[in-house]
């Protein structure tokens, strides 16, 4: 059996290359507090990581209508992208791994549900 070599390697961003959990959690907590007046505990915030933002917010705040969910989402994005002082960092070894794969002529790509500004 002939083994084909893959030339394209696609990586997920959050939780695979970058440790963004604390920033996601604190941004969800901020948005819930600012828009809804709700103190969201860390465990509940962590429970929706991996869902799309609107789906996560609908799960966390089933009492909100679509307009209010959009307001919470806007507050989350503002905090996550611009106002948060919680750093995101690459997991240990990621830079070396990506450099090695690139040197071996793999094409590297990122798959994410984030918007481009969220990825940048």
PDB file of N, CA and C in Angstrom:
ATOM      1  N   UNK A   1       0.839  -1.174   0.000  1.00  0.00           N
ATOM      2  CA  UNK A   1       0.000   0.000   0.000  1.00  0.00           C
ATOM      3  C   UNK A   1       0.887   1.241   0.000  1.00  0.00           C
ATOM      4  N   UNK A   2       0.636   2.130  -0.904  1.00  0.00           N
ATOM      5  CA  UNK A   2       1.400   3.373  -1.000  1.00  0.00           C
ATOM      6  C   UNK A   2       0.826   4.397  -0.015  1.00  0.00           C
ATOM      7  N   UNK A   3       1.709   5.042   0.728  1.00  0.00           N
ATOM      8  CA  UNK A   3       1.281   6.067   1.671  1.00  0.00           C
ATOM      9  C   UNK A   3       1.459   7.431   1.033  1.00  0.00           C
ATOM     10  N   UNK A   4       0.379   8.186   0.993  1.00  0.00           N
ATOM     11  CA  UNK A   4       0.423   9.546   0.469  1.00  0.00           C
ATOM     12  C   UNK A   4       0.889  10.484   1.577  1.00  0.00           C
ATOM     13  N   UNK A   5       1.704  11.437   1.219  1.00  0.00           N
ATOM     14  CA  UNK A   5       2.133  12.451   2.172  1.00  0.00           C
ATOM     15  C   UNK A   5       1.209  13.655   2.034  1.00  0.00           C
ATOM     16  N   UNK A   6       0.697  14.105   3.149  1.00  0.00           N
ATOM     17  CA  UNK A   6      -0.128  15.307   3.142  1.00  0.00           C
ATOM     18  C   UNK A   6       0.784  16.519   3.038  1.00  0.00           C
ATOM     19  N   UNK A   7       0.376  17.502   2.242  1.00  0.00           N
ATOM     20  CA  UNK A   7       1.162  18.724   2.108  1.00  0.00           C
ATOM     21  C   UNK A   7       0.576  19.880   2.902  1.00  0.00           C
ATOM     22  N   UNK A   8      -0.698  19.789   3.226  1.00  0.00           N
ATOM     23  CA  UNK A   8      -1.384  20.850   3.952  1.00  0.00           C
ATOM     24  C   UNK A   8      -1.717  20.359   5.353  1.00  0.00           C
ATOM     25  N   UNK A   9      -1.322  21.136   6.346  1.00  0.00           N
ATOM     26  CA  UNK A   9      -1.659  20.842   7.741  1.00  0.00           C
ATOM     27  C   UNK A   9      -2.478  22.007   8.280  1.00  0.00           C
ATOM     28  N   UNK A  10      -3.657  21.716   8.800  1.00  0.00           N
ATOM     29  CA  UNK A  10      -4.569  22.739   9.297  1.00  0.00           C
ATOM     30  C   UNK A  10      -4.700  22.581  10.811  1.00  0.00           C
ATOM     31  N   UNK A  11      -4.491  23.666  11.516  1.00  0.00           N
ATOM     32  CA  UNK A  11      -4.549  23.667  12.978  1.00  0.00           C
ATOM     33  C   UNK A  11      -5.694  24.540  13.462  1.00  0.00           C
ATOM     34  N   UNK A  12      -6.367  24.082  14.505  1.00  0.00           N
ATOM     35  CA  UNK A  12      -7.320  24.925  15.208  1.00  0.00           C
ATOM     36  C   UNK A  12      -6.511  25.948  16.003  1.00  0.00           C
ATOM     37  N   UNK A  13      -7.076  27.097  16.267  1.00  0.00           N
ATOM     38  CA  UNK A  13      -6.368  28.169  16.961  1.00  0.00           C
ATOM     39  C   UNK A  13      -6.519  28.043  18.477  1.00  0.00           C
ATOM     40  N   UNK A  14      -7.727  28.306  18.984  1.00  0.00           N
ATOM     41  CA  UNK A  14      -7.961  28.295  20.431  1.00  0.00           C
ATOM     42  C   UNK A  14      -7.836  26.890  20.998  1.00  0.00           C
ATOM     43  N   UNK A  15      -6.998  26.761  21.996  1.00  0.00           N
ATOM     44  CA  UNK A  15      -6.860  25.485  22.683  1.00  0.00           C
ATOM     45  C   UNK A  15      -5.929  24.501  22.013  1.00  0.00           C
ATOM     46  N   UNK A  16      -5.479  24.811  20.807  1.00  0.00           N
ATOM     47  CA  UNK A  16      -4.536  23.937  20.103  1.00  0.00           C
ATOM     48  C   UNK A  16      -3.187  24.627  19.968  1.00  0.00           C
ATOM     49  N   UNK A  17      -3.193  25.820  19.392  1.00  0.00           N
ATOM     50  CA  UNK A  17      -1.955  26.586  19.252  1.00  0.00           C
ATOM     51  C   UNK A  17      -1.817  27.632  20.353  1.00  0.00           C
ATOM     52  N   UNK A  18      -2.929  28.189  20.761  1.00  0.00           N
ATOM     53  CA  UNK A  18      -2.883  29.295  21.720  1.00  0.00           C
ATOM     54  C   UNK A  18      -3.753  28.982  22.939  1.00  0.00           C
ATOM     55  N   UNK A  19      -3.260  29.392  24.088  1.00  0.00           N
ATOM     56  CA  UNK A  19      -4.007  29.224  25.329  1.00  0.00           C
ATOM     57  C   UNK A  19      -4.810  30.500  25.566  1.00  0.00           C
ATOM     58  N   UNK A  20      -6.066  30.471  25.187  1.00  0.00           N
ATOM     59  CA  UNK A  20      -6.925  31.652  25.286  1.00  0.00           C
ATOM     60  C   UNK A  20      -8.063  31.468  26.285  1.00  0.00           C
ATOM     61  N   UNK A  21      -8.041  30.386  27.024  1.00  0.00           N
ATOM     62  CA  UNK A  21      -9.172  30.073  27.900  1.00  0.00           C
ATOM     63  C   UNK A  21      -9.437  31.181  28.917  1.00  0.00           C
ATOM     64  N   UNK A  22      -8.412  31.650  29.594  1.00  0.00           N
ATOM     65  CA  UNK A  22      -8.631  32.667  30.626  1.00  0.00           C
ATOM     66  C   UNK A  22      -9.211  33.943  30.025  1.00  0.00           C
ATOM     67  N   UNK A  23      -8.734  34.321  28.848  1.00  0.00           N
ATOM     68  CA  UNK A  23      -9.242  35.540  28.208  1.00  0.00           C
ATOM     69  C   UNK A  23     -10.696  35.360  27.765  1.00  0.00           C
ATOM     70  N   UNK A  24     -11.038  34.191  27.244  1.00  0.00           N
ATOM     71  CA  UNK A  24     -12.428  33.913  26.869  1.00  0.00           C
ATOM     72  C   UNK A  24     -13.318  33.991  28.106  1.00  0.00           C
ATOM     73  N   UNK A  25     -12.908  33.331  29.173  1.00  0.00           N
ATOM     74  CA  UNK A  25     -13.703  33.302  30.409  1.00  0.00           C
ATOM     75  C   UNK A  25     -13.902  34.709  30.961  1.00  0.00           C
ATOM     76  N   UNK A  26     -12.835  35.476  31.082  1.00  0.00           N
ATOM     77  CA  UNK A  26     -12.971  36.814  31.664  1.00  0.00           C
ATOM     78  C   UNK A  26     -13.781  37.742  30.762  1.00  0.00           C
ATOM     79  N   UNK A  27     -13.704  37.557  29.459  1.00  0.00           N
ATOM     80  CA  UNK A  27     -14.511  38.380  28.548  1.00  0.00           C
ATOM     81  C   UNK A  27     -15.988  38.008  28.630  1.00  0.00           C
ATOM     82  N   UNK A  28     -16.293  36.716  28.771  1.00  0.00           N
ATOM     83  CA  UNK A  28     -17.687  36.304  28.980  1.00  0.00           C
ATOM     84  C   UNK A  28     -18.217  36.859  30.299  1.00  0.00           C
ATOM     85  N   UNK A  29     -17.396  36.812  31.338  1.00  0.00           N
ATOM     86  CA  UNK A  29     -17.812  37.339  32.632  1.00  0.00           C
ATOM     87  C   UNK A  29     -18.044  38.848  32.552  1.00  0.00           C
ATOM     88  N   UNK A  30     -17.140  39.552  31.897  1.00  0.00           N
ATOM     89  CA  UNK A  30     -17.277  41.002  31.741  1.00  0.00           C
ATOM     90  C   UNK A  30     -18.580  41.351  31.024  1.00  0.00           C
ATOM     91  N   UNK A  31     -18.818  40.717  29.876  1.00  0.00           N
ATOM     92  CA  UNK A  31     -19.997  41.033  29.073  1.00  0.00           C
ATOM     93  C   UNK A  31     -21.286  40.708  29.828  1.00  0.00           C
ATOM     94  N   UNK A  32     -21.306  39.593  30.535  1.00  0.00           N
ATOM     95  CA  UNK A  32     -22.497  39.213  31.306  1.00  0.00           C
ATOM     96  C   UNK A  32     -22.774  40.213  32.420  1.00  0.00           C
ATOM     97  N   UNK A  33     -21.732  40.665  33.063  1.00  0.00           N
ATOM     98  CA  UNK A  33     -21.871  41.630  34.158  1.00  0.00           C
ATOM     99  C   UNK A  33     -22.296  43.005  33.632  1.00  0.00           C
ATOM    100  N   UNK A  34     -21.631  43.467  32.571  1.00  0.00           N
ATOM    101  CA  UNK A  34     -21.894  44.814  32.060  1.00  0.00           C
ATOM    102  C   UNK A  34     -23.275  44.950  31.424  1.00  0.00           C
ATOM    103  N   UNK A  35     -23.688  43.955  30.666  1.00  0.00           N
ATOM    104  CA  UNK A  35     -24.949  44.062  29.926  1.00  0.00           C
ATOM    105  C   UNK A  35     -26.127  43.519  30.726  1.00  0.00           C
ATOM    106  N   UNK A  36     -25.916  42.415  31.438  1.00  0.00           N
ATOM    107  CA  UNK A  36     -27.028  41.730  32.118  1.00  0.00           C
ATOM    108  C   UNK A  36     -27.042  41.939  33.622  1.00  0.00           C
ATOM    109  N   UNK A  37     -25.941  42.442  34.176  1.00  0.00           N
ATOM    110  CA  UNK A  37     -25.842  42.555  35.625  1.00  0.00           C
ATOM    111  C   UNK A  37     -25.699  41.212  36.311  1.00  0.00           C
ATOM    112  N   UNK A  38     -25.208  40.218  35.561  1.00  0.00           N
ATOM    113  CA  UNK A  38     -25.078  38.855  36.079  1.00  0.00           C
ATOM    114  C   UNK A  38     -23.605  38.534  36.303  1.00  0.00           C
ATOM    115  N   UNK A  39     -23.286  38.052  37.512  1.00  0.00           N
ATOM    116  CA  UNK A  39     -21.930  37.583  37.790  1.00  0.00           C
ATOM    117  C   UNK A  39     -21.841  36.121  37.366  1.00  0.00           C
ATOM    118  N   UNK A  40     -21.230  35.894  36.249  1.00  0.00           N
ATOM    119  CA  UNK A  40     -21.101  34.557  35.668  1.00  0.00           C
ATOM    120  C   UNK A  40     -19.912  33.851  36.301  1.00  0.00           C
ATOM    121  N   UNK A  41     -20.143  32.674  36.875  1.00  0.00           N
ATOM    122  CA  UNK A  41     -19.021  31.977  37.500  1.00  0.00           C
ATOM    123  C   UNK A  41     -18.139  31.321  36.432  1.00  0.00           C
ATOM    124  N   UNK A  42     -16.903  31.090  36.820  1.00  0.00           N
ATOM    125  CA  UNK A  42     -15.898  30.581  35.886  1.00  0.00           C
ATOM    126  C   UNK A  42     -16.291  29.245  35.273  1.00  0.00           C
ATOM    127  N   UNK A  43     -16.836  28.345  36.067  1.00  0.00           N
ATOM    128  CA  UNK A  43     -17.197  27.014  35.555  1.00  0.00           C
ATOM    129  C   UNK A  43     -18.256  27.108  34.461  1.00  0.00           C
ATOM    130  N   UNK A  44     -19.254  27.969  34.654  1.00  0.00           N
ATOM    131  CA  UNK A  44     -20.288  28.140  33.611  1.00  0.00           C
ATOM    132  C   UNK A  44     -19.678  28.740  32.361  1.00  0.00           C
ATOM    133  N   UNK A  45     -18.804  29.720  32.515  1.00  0.00           N
ATOM    134  CA  UNK A  45     -18.164  30.331  31.345  1.00  0.00           C
ATOM    135  C   UNK A  45     -17.326  29.297  30.600  1.00  0.00           C
ATOM    136  N   UNK A  46     -16.577  28.501  31.326  1.00  0.00           N
ATOM    137  CA  UNK A  46     -15.750  27.465  30.688  1.00  0.00           C
ATOM    138  C   UNK A  46     -16.593  26.413  29.963  1.00  0.00           C
ATOM    139  N   UNK A  47     -17.797  26.180  30.447  1.00  0.00           N
ATOM    140  CA  UNK A  47     -18.631  25.108  29.887  1.00  0.00           C
ATOM    141  C   UNK A  47     -19.066  25.368  28.449  1.00  0.00           C
ATOM    142  N   UNK A  48     -18.982  26.606  27.988  1.00  0.00           N
ATOM    143  CA  UNK A  48     -19.434  26.918  26.623  1.00  0.00           C
ATOM    144  C   UNK A  48     -18.279  27.149  25.656  1.00  0.00           C
ATOM    145  N   UNK A  49     -17.052  27.018  26.135  1.00  0.00           N
ATOM    146  CA  UNK A  49     -15.901  27.198  25.246  1.00  0.00           C
ATOM    147  C   UNK A  49     -15.955  26.128  24.163  1.00  0.00           C
ATOM    148  N   UNK A  50     -15.798  26.571  22.939  1.00  0.00           N
ATOM    149  CA  UNK A  50     -15.879  25.671  21.790  1.00  0.00           C
ATOM    150  C   UNK A  50     -17.145  25.885  20.981  1.00  0.00           C
ATOM    151  N   UNK A  51     -18.160  26.487  21.613  1.00  0.00           N
ATOM    152  CA  UNK A  51     -19.376  26.834  20.887  1.00  0.00           C
ATOM    153  C   UNK A  51     -19.161  28.164  20.171  1.00  0.00           C
ATOM    154  N   UNK A  52     -19.949  28.429  19.167  1.00  0.00           N
ATOM    155  CA  UNK A  52     -19.952  29.757  18.563  1.00  0.00           C
ATOM    156  C   UNK A  52     -20.417  30.767  19.600  1.00  0.00           C
ATOM    157  N   UNK A  53     -20.053  32.033  19.428  1.00  0.00           N
ATOM    158  CA  UNK A  53     -20.345  33.043  20.443  1.00  0.00           C
ATOM    159  C   UNK A  53     -21.846  33.158  20.719  1.00  0.00           C
ATOM    160  N   UNK A  54     -22.658  33.293  19.682  1.00  0.00           N
ATOM    161  CA  UNK A  54     -24.100  33.455  19.913  1.00  0.00           C
ATOM    162  C   UNK A  54     -24.706  32.211  20.562  1.00  0.00           C
ATOM    163  N   UNK A  55     -24.278  31.041  20.123  1.00  0.00           N
ATOM    164  CA  UNK A  55     -24.771  29.798  20.731  1.00  0.00           C
ATOM    165  C   UNK A  55     -24.371  29.734  22.208  1.00  0.00           C
ATOM    166  N   UNK A  56     -23.136  30.119  22.505  1.00  0.00           N
ATOM    167  CA  UNK A  56     -22.666  30.122  23.894  1.00  0.00           C
ATOM    168  C   UNK A  56     -23.489  31.077  24.747  1.00  0.00           C
ATOM    169  N   UNK A  57     -23.735  32.267  24.220  1.00  0.00           N
ATOM    170  CA  UNK A  57     -24.489  33.257  24.987  1.00  0.00           C
ATOM    171  C   UNK A  57     -25.945  32.840  25.176  1.00  0.00           C
ATOM    172  N   UNK A  58     -26.536  32.222  24.169  1.00  0.00           N
ATOM    173  CA  UNK A  58     -27.908  31.721  24.308  1.00  0.00           C
ATOM    174  C   UNK A  58     -27.976  30.618  25.365  1.00  0.00           C
ATOM    175  N   UNK A  59     -26.930  29.811  25.445  1.00  0.00           N
ATOM    176  CA  UNK A  59     -26.874  28.756  26.467  1.00  0.00           C
ATOM    177  C   UNK A  59     -26.706  29.363  27.864  1.00  0.00           C
ATOM    178  N   UNK A  60     -25.828  30.353  27.970  1.00  0.00           N
ATOM    179  CA  UNK A  60     -25.571  30.978  29.270  1.00  0.00           C
ATOM    180  C   UNK A  60     -26.732  31.846  29.736  1.00  0.00           C
ATOM    181  N   UNK A  61     -27.429  32.473  28.786  1.00  0.00           N
ATOM    182  CA  UNK A  61     -28.489  33.432  29.114  1.00  0.00           C
ATOM    183  C   UNK A  61     -29.756  33.130  28.317  1.00  0.00           C
ATOM    184  N   UNK A  62     -30.427  32.014  28.613  1.00  0.00           N
ATOM    185  CA  UNK A  62     -31.621  31.651  27.836  1.00  0.00           C
ATOM    186  C   UNK A  62     -32.764  32.658  27.986  1.00  0.00           C
ATOM    187  N   UNK A  63     -32.683  33.504  29.003  1.00  0.00           N
ATOM    188  CA  UNK A  63     -33.733  34.496  29.234  1.00  0.00           C
ATOM    189  C   UNK A  63     -33.644  35.691  28.283  1.00  0.00           C
ATOM    190  N   UNK A  64     -32.534  35.827  27.566  1.00  0.00           N
ATOM    191  CA  UNK A  64     -32.337  36.994  26.705  1.00  0.00           C
ATOM    192  C   UNK A  64     -32.954  36.796  25.330  1.00  0.00           C
ATOM    193  N   UNK A  65     -33.459  37.898  24.771  1.00  0.00           N
ATOM    194  CA  UNK A  65     -33.927  37.846  23.387  1.00  0.00           C
ATOM    195  C   UNK A  65     -32.741  38.109  22.459  1.00  0.00           C
ATOM    196  N   UNK A  66     -32.978  38.029  21.164  1.00  0.00           N
ATOM    197  CA  UNK A  66     -31.899  38.145  20.173  1.00  0.00           C
ATOM    198  C   UNK A  66     -31.182  39.488  20.251  1.00  0.00           C
ATOM    199  N   UNK A  67     -31.911  40.557  20.528  1.00  0.00           N
ATOM    200  CA  UNK A  67     -31.297  41.890  20.622  1.00  0.00           C
ATOM    201  C   UNK A  67     -30.340  41.943  21.806  1.00  0.00           C
ATOM    202  N   UNK A  68     -30.766  41.401  22.946  1.00  0.00           N
ATOM    203  CA  UNK A  68     -29.904  41.411  24.131  1.00  0.00           C
ATOM    204  C   UNK A  68     -28.693  40.489  23.960  1.00  0.00           C
ATOM    205  N   UNK A  69     -28.882  39.339  23.307  1.00  0.00           N
ATOM    206  CA  UNK A  69     -27.750  38.449  23.016  1.00  0.00           C
ATOM    207  C   UNK A  69     -26.736  39.190  22.152  1.00  0.00           C
ATOM    208  N   UNK A  70     -27.214  39.939  21.170  1.00  0.00           N
ATOM    209  CA  UNK A  70     -26.309  40.714  20.309  1.00  0.00           C
ATOM    210  C   UNK A  70     -25.555  41.765  21.119  1.00  0.00           C
ATOM    211  N   UNK A  71     -26.208  42.378  22.094  1.00  0.00           N
ATOM    212  CA  UNK A  71     -25.538  43.371  22.947  1.00  0.00           C
ATOM    213  C   UNK A  71     -24.451  42.727  23.796  1.00  0.00           C
ATOM    214  N   UNK A  72     -24.741  41.560  24.344  1.00  0.00           N
ATOM    215  CA  UNK A  72     -23.731  40.843  25.131  1.00  0.00           C
ATOM    216  C   UNK A  72     -22.574  40.431  24.224  1.00  0.00           C
ATOM    217  N   UNK A  73     -22.882  39.977  23.016  1.00  0.00           N
ATOM    218  CA  UNK A  73     -21.836  39.583  22.064  1.00  0.00           C
ATOM    219  C   UNK A  73     -20.944  40.770  21.718  1.00  0.00           C
ATOM    220  N   UNK A  74     -21.546  41.933  21.520  1.00  0.00           N
ATOM    221  CA  UNK A  74     -20.753  43.135  21.224  1.00  0.00           C
ATOM    222  C   UNK A  74     -19.828  43.479  22.386  1.00  0.00           C
ATOM    223  N   UNK A  75     -20.343  43.395  23.610  1.00  0.00           N
ATOM    224  CA  UNK A  75     -19.515  43.685  24.789  1.00  0.00           C
ATOM    225  C   UNK A  75     -18.389  42.668  24.923  1.00  0.00           C
ATOM    226  N   UNK A  76     -18.693  41.406  24.644  1.00  0.00           N
ATOM    227  CA  UNK A  76     -17.666  40.361  24.682  1.00  0.00           C
ATOM    228  C   UNK A  76     -16.563  40.667  23.677  1.00  0.00           C
ATOM    229  N   UNK A  77     -16.947  40.935  22.438  1.00  0.00           N
ATOM    230  CA  UNK A  77     -15.948  41.204  21.391  1.00  0.00           C
ATOM    231  C   UNK A  77     -15.083  42.411  21.740  1.00  0.00           C
ATOM    232  N   UNK A  78     -15.714  43.477  22.214  1.00  0.00           N
ATOM    233  CA  UNK A  78     -14.965  44.679  22.583  1.00  0.00           C
ATOM    234  C   UNK A  78     -13.931  44.346  23.655  1.00  0.00           C
ATOM    235  N   UNK A  79     -14.356  43.598  24.658  1.00  0.00           N
ATOM    236  CA  UNK A  79     -13.440  43.250  25.736  1.00  0.00           C
ATOM    237  C   UNK A  79     -12.353  42.305  25.255  1.00  0.00           C
ATOM    238  N   UNK A  80     -12.743  41.256  24.542  1.00  0.00           N
ATOM    239  CA  UNK A  80     -11.779  40.249  24.097  1.00  0.00           C
ATOM    240  C   UNK A  80     -10.745  40.847  23.148  1.00  0.00           C
ATOM    241  N   UNK A  81     -11.213  41.638  22.182  1.00  0.00           N
ATOM    242  CA  UNK A  81     -10.313  42.147  21.141  1.00  0.00           C
ATOM    243  C   UNK A  81      -9.492  43.351  21.577  1.00  0.00           C
ATOM    244  N   UNK A  82     -10.070  44.219  22.414  1.00  0.00           N
ATOM    245  CA  UNK A  82      -9.429  45.514  22.650  1.00  0.00           C
ATOM    246  C   UNK A  82      -9.144  45.854  24.107  1.00  0.00           C
ATOM    247  N   UNK A  83     -10.006  45.455  25.015  1.00  0.00           N
ATOM    248  CA  UNK A  83      -9.916  45.970  26.377  1.00  0.00           C
ATOM    249  C   UNK A  83      -9.327  45.005  27.399  1.00  0.00           C
ATOM    250  N   UNK A  84      -9.289  43.735  27.086  1.00  0.00           N
ATOM    251  CA  UNK A  84      -8.821  42.750  28.057  1.00  0.00           C
ATOM    252  C   UNK A  84      -7.334  42.919  28.336  1.00  0.00           C
ATOM    253  N   UNK A  85      -6.983  42.791  29.609  1.00  0.00           N
ATOM    254  CA  UNK A  85      -5.563  42.815  29.971  1.00  0.00           C
ATOM    255  C   UNK A  85      -5.031  41.403  30.210  1.00  0.00           C
ATOM    256  N   UNK A  86      -5.849  40.397  29.892  1.00  0.00           N
ATOM    257  CA  UNK A  86      -5.435  39.000  30.038  1.00  0.00           C
ATOM    258  C   UNK A  86      -4.703  38.583  28.765  1.00  0.00           C
ATOM    259  N   UNK A  87      -3.440  38.214  28.879  1.00  0.00           N
ATOM    260  CA  UNK A  87      -2.683  37.865  27.668  1.00  0.00           C
ATOM    261  C   UNK A  87      -3.078  36.500  27.110  1.00  0.00           C
ATOM    262  N   UNK A  88      -2.956  36.378  25.804  1.00  0.00           N
ATOM    263  CA  UNK A  88      -3.049  35.074  25.157  1.00  0.00           C
ATOM    264  C   UNK A  88      -1.612  34.679  24.843  1.00  0.00           C
ATOM    265  N   UNK A  89      -1.316  33.407  24.968  1.00  0.00           N
ATOM    266  CA  UNK A  89       0.044  32.985  24.657  1.00  0.00           C
ATOM    267  C   UNK A  89       0.004  31.664  23.916  1.00  0.00           C
ATOM    268  N   UNK A  90       0.997  31.502  23.057  1.00  0.00           N
ATOM    269  CA  UNK A  90       1.140  30.225  22.370  1.00  0.00           C
ATOM    270  C   UNK A  90       1.541  29.164  23.388  1.00  0.00           C
ATOM    271  N   UNK A  91       1.047  27.959  23.207  1.00  0.00           N
ATOM    272  CA  UNK A  91       1.485  26.866  24.064  1.00  0.00           C
ATOM    273  C   UNK A  91       2.973  26.611  23.838  1.00  0.00           C
ATOM    274  N   UNK A  92       3.638  26.107  24.860  1.00  0.00           N
ATOM    275  CA  UNK A  92       5.060  25.786  24.754  1.00  0.00           C
ATOM    276  C   UNK A  92       5.300  24.849  23.580  1.00  0.00           C
ATOM    277  N   UNK A  93       6.324  25.145  22.800  1.00  0.00           N
ATOM    278  CA  UNK A  93       6.727  24.290  21.694  1.00  0.00           C
ATOM    279  C   UNK A  93       6.045  24.570  20.370  1.00  0.00           C
ATOM    280  N   UNK A  94       5.019  25.422  20.370  1.00  0.00           N
ATOM    281  CA  UNK A  94       4.271  25.674  19.129  1.00  0.00           C
ATOM    282  C   UNK A  94       5.144  26.338  18.073  1.00  0.00           C
ATOM    283  N   UNK A  95       5.890  27.354  18.445  1.00  0.00           N
ATOM    284  CA  UNK A  95       6.716  28.059  17.456  1.00  0.00           C
ATOM    285  C   UNK A  95       7.726  27.107  16.835  1.00  0.00           C
ATOM    286  N   UNK A  96       8.420  26.340  17.655  1.00  0.00           N
ATOM    287  CA  UNK A  96       9.406  25.389  17.127  1.00  0.00           C
ATOM    288  C   UNK A  96       8.754  24.364  16.211  1.00  0.00           C
ATOM    289  N   UNK A  97       7.583  23.854  16.608  1.00  0.00           N
ATOM    290  CA  UNK A  97       6.885  22.868  15.791  1.00  0.00           C
ATOM    291  C   UNK A  97       6.503  23.453  14.436  1.00  0.00           C
ATOM    292  N   UNK A  98       5.933  24.650  14.433  1.00  0.00           N
ATOM    293  CA  UNK A  98       5.514  25.265  13.173  1.00  0.00           C
ATOM    294  C   UNK A  98       6.711  25.581  12.281  1.00  0.00           C
ATOM    295  N   UNK A  99       7.799  26.038  12.880  1.00  0.00           N
ATOM    296  CA  UNK A  99       9.010  26.302  12.094  1.00  0.00           C
ATOM    297  C   UNK A  99       9.551  25.019  11.482  1.00  0.00           C
ATOM    298  N   UNK A 100       9.546  23.937  12.241  1.00  0.00           N
ATOM    299  CA  UNK A 100      10.029  22.652  11.733  1.00  0.00           C
ATOM    300  C   UNK A 100       9.153  22.156  10.589  1.00  0.00           C
ATOM    301  N   UNK A 101       7.852  22.237  10.756  1.00  0.00           N
ATOM    302  CA  UNK A 101       6.935  21.793   9.699  1.00  0.00           C
ATOM    303  C   UNK A 101       7.088  22.645   8.445  1.00  0.00           C
ATOM    304  N   UNK A 102       7.264  23.930   8.627  1.00  0.00           N
ATOM    305  CA  UNK A 102       7.483  24.820   7.481  1.00  0.00           C
ATOM    306  C   UNK A 102       8.787  24.476   6.776  1.00  0.00           C
ATOM    307  N   UNK A 103       9.826  24.194   7.543  1.00  0.00           N
ATOM    308  CA  UNK A 103      11.119  23.816   6.958  1.00  0.00           C
ATOM    309  C   UNK A 103      11.017  22.508   6.180  1.00  0.00           C
ATOM    310  N   UNK A 104      10.059  21.666   6.554  1.00  0.00           N
ATOM    311  CA  UNK A 104       9.831  20.405   5.846  1.00  0.00           C
ATOM    312  C   UNK A 104       8.862  20.580   4.677  1.00  0.00           C
ATOM    313  N   UNK A 105       8.601  21.845   4.320  1.00  0.00           N
ATOM    314  CA  UNK A 105       7.778  22.225   3.162  1.00  0.00           C
ATOM    315  C   UNK A 105       6.303  21.882   3.285  1.00  0.00           C
ATOM    316  N   UNK A 106       5.800  21.810   4.498  1.00  0.00           N
ATOM    317  CA  UNK A 106       4.361  21.683   4.672  1.00  0.00           C
ATOM    318  C   UNK A 106       3.734  23.060   4.503  1.00  0.00           C
ATOM    319  N   UNK A 107       2.551  23.096   3.937  1.00  0.00           N
ATOM    320  CA  UNK A 107       1.753  24.310   3.913  1.00  0.00           C
ATOM    321  C   UNK A 107       0.932  24.305   5.194  1.00  0.00           C
ATOM    322  N   UNK A 108       0.989  25.407   5.929  1.00  0.00           N
ATOM    323  CA  UNK A 108       0.327  25.488   7.224  1.00  0.00           C
ATOM    324  C   UNK A 108      -0.857  26.439   7.145  1.00  0.00           C
ATOM    325  N   UNK A 109      -1.935  26.082   7.820  1.00  0.00           N
ATOM    326  CA  UNK A 109      -3.132  26.919   7.821  1.00  0.00           C
ATOM    327  C   UNK A 109      -3.801  26.838   9.186  1.00  0.00           C
ATOM    328  N   UNK A 110      -4.655  27.806   9.440  1.00  0.00           N
ATOM    329  CA  UNK A 110      -5.412  27.856  10.684  1.00  0.00           C
ATOM    330  C   UNK A 110      -6.895  27.799  10.345  1.00  0.00           C
ATOM    331  N   UNK A 111      -7.630  26.973  11.072  1.00  0.00           N
ATOM    332  CA  UNK A 111      -9.087  26.924  10.974  1.00  0.00           C
ATOM    333  C   UNK A 111      -9.641  27.432  12.298  1.00  0.00           C
ATOM    334  N   UNK A 112     -10.530  28.393  12.228  1.00  0.00           N
ATOM    335  CA  UNK A 112     -11.094  28.954  13.448  1.00  0.00           C
ATOM    336  C   UNK A 112     -12.459  29.546  13.166  1.00  0.00           C
ATOM    337  N   UNK A 113     -13.254  29.618  14.190  1.00  0.00           N
ATOM    338  CA  UNK A 113     -14.535  30.296  14.085  1.00  0.00           C
ATOM    339  C   UNK A 113     -14.419  31.781  14.374  1.00  0.00           C
ATOM    340  N   UNK A 114     -13.221  32.232  14.708  1.00  0.00           N
ATOM    341  CA  UNK A 114     -13.006  33.646  15.002  1.00  0.00           C
ATOM    342  C   UNK A 114     -13.065  34.480  13.730  1.00  0.00           C
ATOM    343  N   UNK A 115     -13.382  35.748  13.910  1.00  0.00           N
ATOM    344  CA  UNK A 115     -13.265  36.701  12.808  1.00  0.00           C
ATOM    345  C   UNK A 115     -11.786  36.997  12.594  1.00  0.00           C
ATOM    346  N   UNK A 116     -11.456  37.603  11.489  1.00  0.00           N
ATOM    347  CA  UNK A 116     -10.051  37.939  11.223  1.00  0.00           C
ATOM    348  C   UNK A 116      -9.469  38.848  12.310  1.00  0.00           C
ATOM    349  N   UNK A 117     -10.194  39.902  12.748  1.00  0.00           N
ATOM    350  CA  UNK A 117      -9.638  40.710  13.849  1.00  0.00           C
ATOM    351  C   UNK A 117      -9.416  39.892  15.121  1.00  0.00           C
ATOM    352  N   UNK A 118     -10.270  38.907  15.373  1.00  0.00           N
ATOM    353  CA  UNK A 118     -10.096  38.054  16.543  1.00  0.00           C
ATOM    354  C   UNK A 118      -8.867  37.187  16.445  1.00  0.00           C
ATOM    355  N   UNK A 119      -8.525  36.799  15.236  1.00  0.00           N
ATOM    356  CA  UNK A 119      -7.338  35.979  15.013  1.00  0.00           C
ATOM    357  C   UNK A 119      -6.074  36.823  15.047  1.00  0.00           C
ATOM    358  N   UNK A 120      -6.167  38.023  14.497  1.00  0.00           N
ATOM    359  CA  UNK A 120      -4.991  38.900  14.462  1.00  0.00           C
ATOM    360  C   UNK A 120      -4.593  39.287  15.868  1.00  0.00           C
TER     361      UNK A 120
END
